[in-house]
């Protein structure tokens, strides 16, 4: 089941069947109940989760207060992908909206596998580089919108 789930995730979608099978061998299953805090903003990330079923909300601000809801990802979506590559603090909290089933990938296991499989490493770097280029292009497009074109905003 893991390889089939990975095949539909942007980060792994362009890998070969053998590469997907290899990665799926070190995934783990994890369940969360409705309202359960899965990731807390500011914590050091240690891996990523792929939502197999259920839905979550990505929150900015204190979860106990009234945080801003940034997104409501569902099945097939990924969160925590940056934690695969570095020990950075989480930029948002994640809470289960209902029963959520996930596949997880631990950073250290993932990195050790990449050391042994240079073809997978190269392919994943290409995928991440393309995503970064796409993100840069969107940022440049948005930055090109003059402030005066936004209603109610004055450039002083």
Protein backbone atom coordinates (compact mmCIF):
# COMPACT_ATOMS: atom_id res chain seq x y z
CA UNK A 1 0.00 0.00 0.00
CA UNK A 2 2.80 2.47 0.86
CA UNK A 3 4.30 2.52 -2.64
CA UNK A 4 0.88 3.20 -4.17
CA UNK A 5 0.27 6.09 -1.76
CA UNK A 6 3.75 7.52 -2.49
CA UNK A 7 3.11 7.36 -6.25
CA UNK A 8 0.40 10.04 -5.85
CA UNK A 9 2.48 12.42 -3.72
CA UNK A 10 4.21 15.29 -5.55
CA UNK A 11 7.54 14.64 -3.83
CA UNK A 12 7.71 11.02 -5.00
CA UNK A 13 5.47 10.96 -8.09
CA UNK A 14 8.27 10.90 -10.63
CA UNK A 15 10.27 8.07 -9.05
CA UNK A 16 10.42 4.61 -10.61
CA UNK A 17 8.51 1.65 -9.18
CA UNK A 18 11.73 0.25 -7.67
CA UNK A 19 12.56 3.59 -6.07
CA UNK A 20 9.03 3.88 -4.65
CA UNK A 21 9.23 0.36 -3.23
CA UNK A 22 12.56 1.22 -1.61
CA UNK A 23 11.18 4.36 0.05
CA UNK A 24 7.97 2.62 1.09
CA UNK A 25 10.03 0.04 2.99
CA UNK A 26 10.91 2.61 5.66
CA UNK A 27 7.57 4.40 6.05
CA UNK A 28 5.50 3.91 9.18
CA UNK A 29 1.76 4.21 9.82
CA UNK A 30 0.39 6.68 12.34
CA UNK A 31 -3.16 7.57 13.41
CA UNK A 32 -4.47 10.73 15.05
CA UNK A 33 -7.86 11.36 16.66
CA UNK A 34 -10.17 14.33 16.05
CA UNK A 35 -8.77 17.50 17.62
CA UNK A 36 -5.37 15.93 18.31
CA UNK A 37 -2.39 18.25 17.88
CA UNK A 38 -0.06 16.46 15.44
CA UNK A 39 2.68 19.07 15.04
CA UNK A 40 3.30 22.13 17.18
CA UNK A 41 4.67 25.38 15.78
CA UNK A 42 8.24 25.95 16.97
CA UNK A 43 9.03 22.25 17.57
CA UNK A 44 12.00 20.85 15.71
CA UNK A 45 10.71 18.73 12.85
CA UNK A 46 11.90 15.15 12.50
CA UNK A 47 10.17 13.99 9.33
CA UNK A 48 7.13 14.25 7.14
CA UNK A 49 3.62 12.84 7.07
CA UNK A 50 1.48 11.90 4.10
CA UNK A 51 -2.27 11.99 4.73
CA UNK A 52 -3.80 8.68 3.67
CA UNK A 53 -7.30 9.48 4.94
CA UNK A 54 -8.96 12.20 6.96
CA UNK A 55 -8.24 15.90 7.05
CA UNK A 56 -6.15 18.32 9.06
CA UNK A 57 -5.87 22.04 9.57
CA UNK A 58 -2.62 23.98 9.43
CA UNK A 59 -2.61 26.69 12.08
CA UNK A 60 -0.52 29.80 12.70
CA UNK A 61 -0.51 31.03 16.28
CA UNK A 62 -1.32 29.42 19.61
CA UNK A 63 -3.59 26.38 19.00
CA UNK A 64 -5.28 26.81 22.41
CA UNK A 65 -6.27 30.39 21.52
CA UNK A 66 -7.85 31.36 18.20
CA UNK A 67 -5.16 30.62 15.62
CA UNK A 68 -5.31 31.57 11.95
CA UNK A 69 -6.21 28.59 9.73
CA UNK A 70 -3.73 28.58 6.83
CA UNK A 71 -4.94 25.46 5.03
CA UNK A 72 -7.06 22.34 5.36
CA UNK A 73 -5.17 19.58 3.54
CA UNK A 74 -6.69 16.16 3.01
CA UNK A 75 -5.88 12.73 1.61
CA UNK A 76 -2.78 12.68 -0.60
CA UNK A 77 -1.35 15.89 0.82
CA UNK A 78 2.01 16.14 2.59
CA UNK A 79 3.10 18.23 5.53
CA UNK A 80 6.50 18.57 7.15
CA UNK A 81 8.53 17.93 4.00
CA UNK A 82 11.18 20.49 4.96
CA UNK A 83 11.88 18.43 8.09
CA UNK A 84 13.32 15.70 5.86
CA UNK A 85 16.26 17.93 5.04
CA UNK A 86 17.01 19.92 8.17
CA UNK A 87 16.38 20.44 11.86
CA UNK A 88 14.38 23.62 11.54
CA UNK A 89 11.53 24.63 13.80
CA UNK A 90 8.05 23.92 12.47
CA UNK A 91 6.52 27.07 10.99
CA UNK A 92 2.93 26.13 11.87
CA UNK A 93 0.90 23.74 13.98
CA UNK A 94 -1.17 20.90 12.54
CA UNK A 95 -4.35 19.53 14.13
CA UNK A 96 -6.55 16.60 13.06
CA UNK A 97 -10.09 17.60 12.09
CA UNK A 98 -11.30 14.01 12.17
CA UNK A 99 -9.65 10.60 12.39
CA UNK A 100 -6.47 10.89 10.31
CA UNK A 101 -4.39 8.00 8.97
CA UNK A 102 -0.88 8.93 7.82
CA UNK A 103 2.29 7.45 6.46
CA UNK A 104 5.36 8.90 8.13
CA UNK A 105 8.97 9.11 7.05
CA UNK A 106 11.64 9.80 9.67
CA UNK A 107 14.40 12.22 8.62
CA UNK A 108 17.35 10.11 9.78
CA UNK A 109 16.08 6.94 8.14
CA UNK A 110 15.31 8.88 4.96
CA UNK A 111 18.76 10.50 4.83
CA UNK A 112 20.56 7.21 5.44
CA UNK A 113 18.60 5.64 2.58
CA UNK A 114 19.46 8.53 0.27
CA UNK A 115 23.16 7.99 0.99
CA UNK A 116 22.80 4.42 -0.28
CA UNK A 117 20.72 5.31 -3.33
CA UNK A 118 22.27 8.16 -5.31
CA UNK A 119 19.77 7.83 -8.19
CA UNK A 120 16.87 8.48 -5.82
CA UNK A 121 18.77 11.38 -4.26
CA UNK A 122 19.43 13.00 -7.64
CA UNK A 123 15.83 12.57 -8.76
CA UNK A 124 14.45 14.03 -5.54
CA UNK A 125 16.83 16.99 -5.77
CA UNK A 126 15.55 17.62 -9.30
CA UNK A 127 11.95 17.51 -8.10
CA UNK A 128 12.67 19.87 -5.19
CA UNK A 129 14.63 22.24 -7.46
CA UNK A 130 11.69 22.41 -9.88
CA UNK A 131 9.29 23.16 -7.01
CA UNK A 132 11.62 25.93 -5.82
CA UNK A 133 11.78 27.40 -9.35
CA UNK A 134 7.98 27.31 -9.60
CA UNK A 135 7.69 28.99 -6.21
CA UNK A 136 10.22 31.67 -7.23
CA UNK A 137 8.27 32.36 -10.42
CA UNK A 138 5.02 32.80 -8.44
CA UNK A 139 6.79 35.11 -5.98
CA UNK A 140 8.18 37.26 -8.80
CA UNK A 141 4.72 37.50 -10.41
CA UNK A 142 3.15 38.57 -7.11
CA UNK A 143 5.94 41.03 -6.35
CA UNK A 144 5.37 42.68 -9.73
CA UNK A 145 1.87 43.84 -8.70
CA UNK A 146 2.18 47.55 -7.86
CA UNK A 147 1.03 48.54 -4.39
CA UNK A 148 -1.21 51.24 -5.86
CA UNK A 149 -3.20 48.56 -7.69
CA UNK A 150 -4.31 47.08 -4.38
CA UNK A 151 -7.47 48.79 -3.14
CA UNK A 152 -6.98 50.65 0.12
CA UNK A 153 -3.16 50.44 0.13
CA UNK A 154 -1.14 53.61 -0.19
CA UNK A 155 2.56 53.67 -1.02
CA UNK A 156 4.07 56.48 1.02
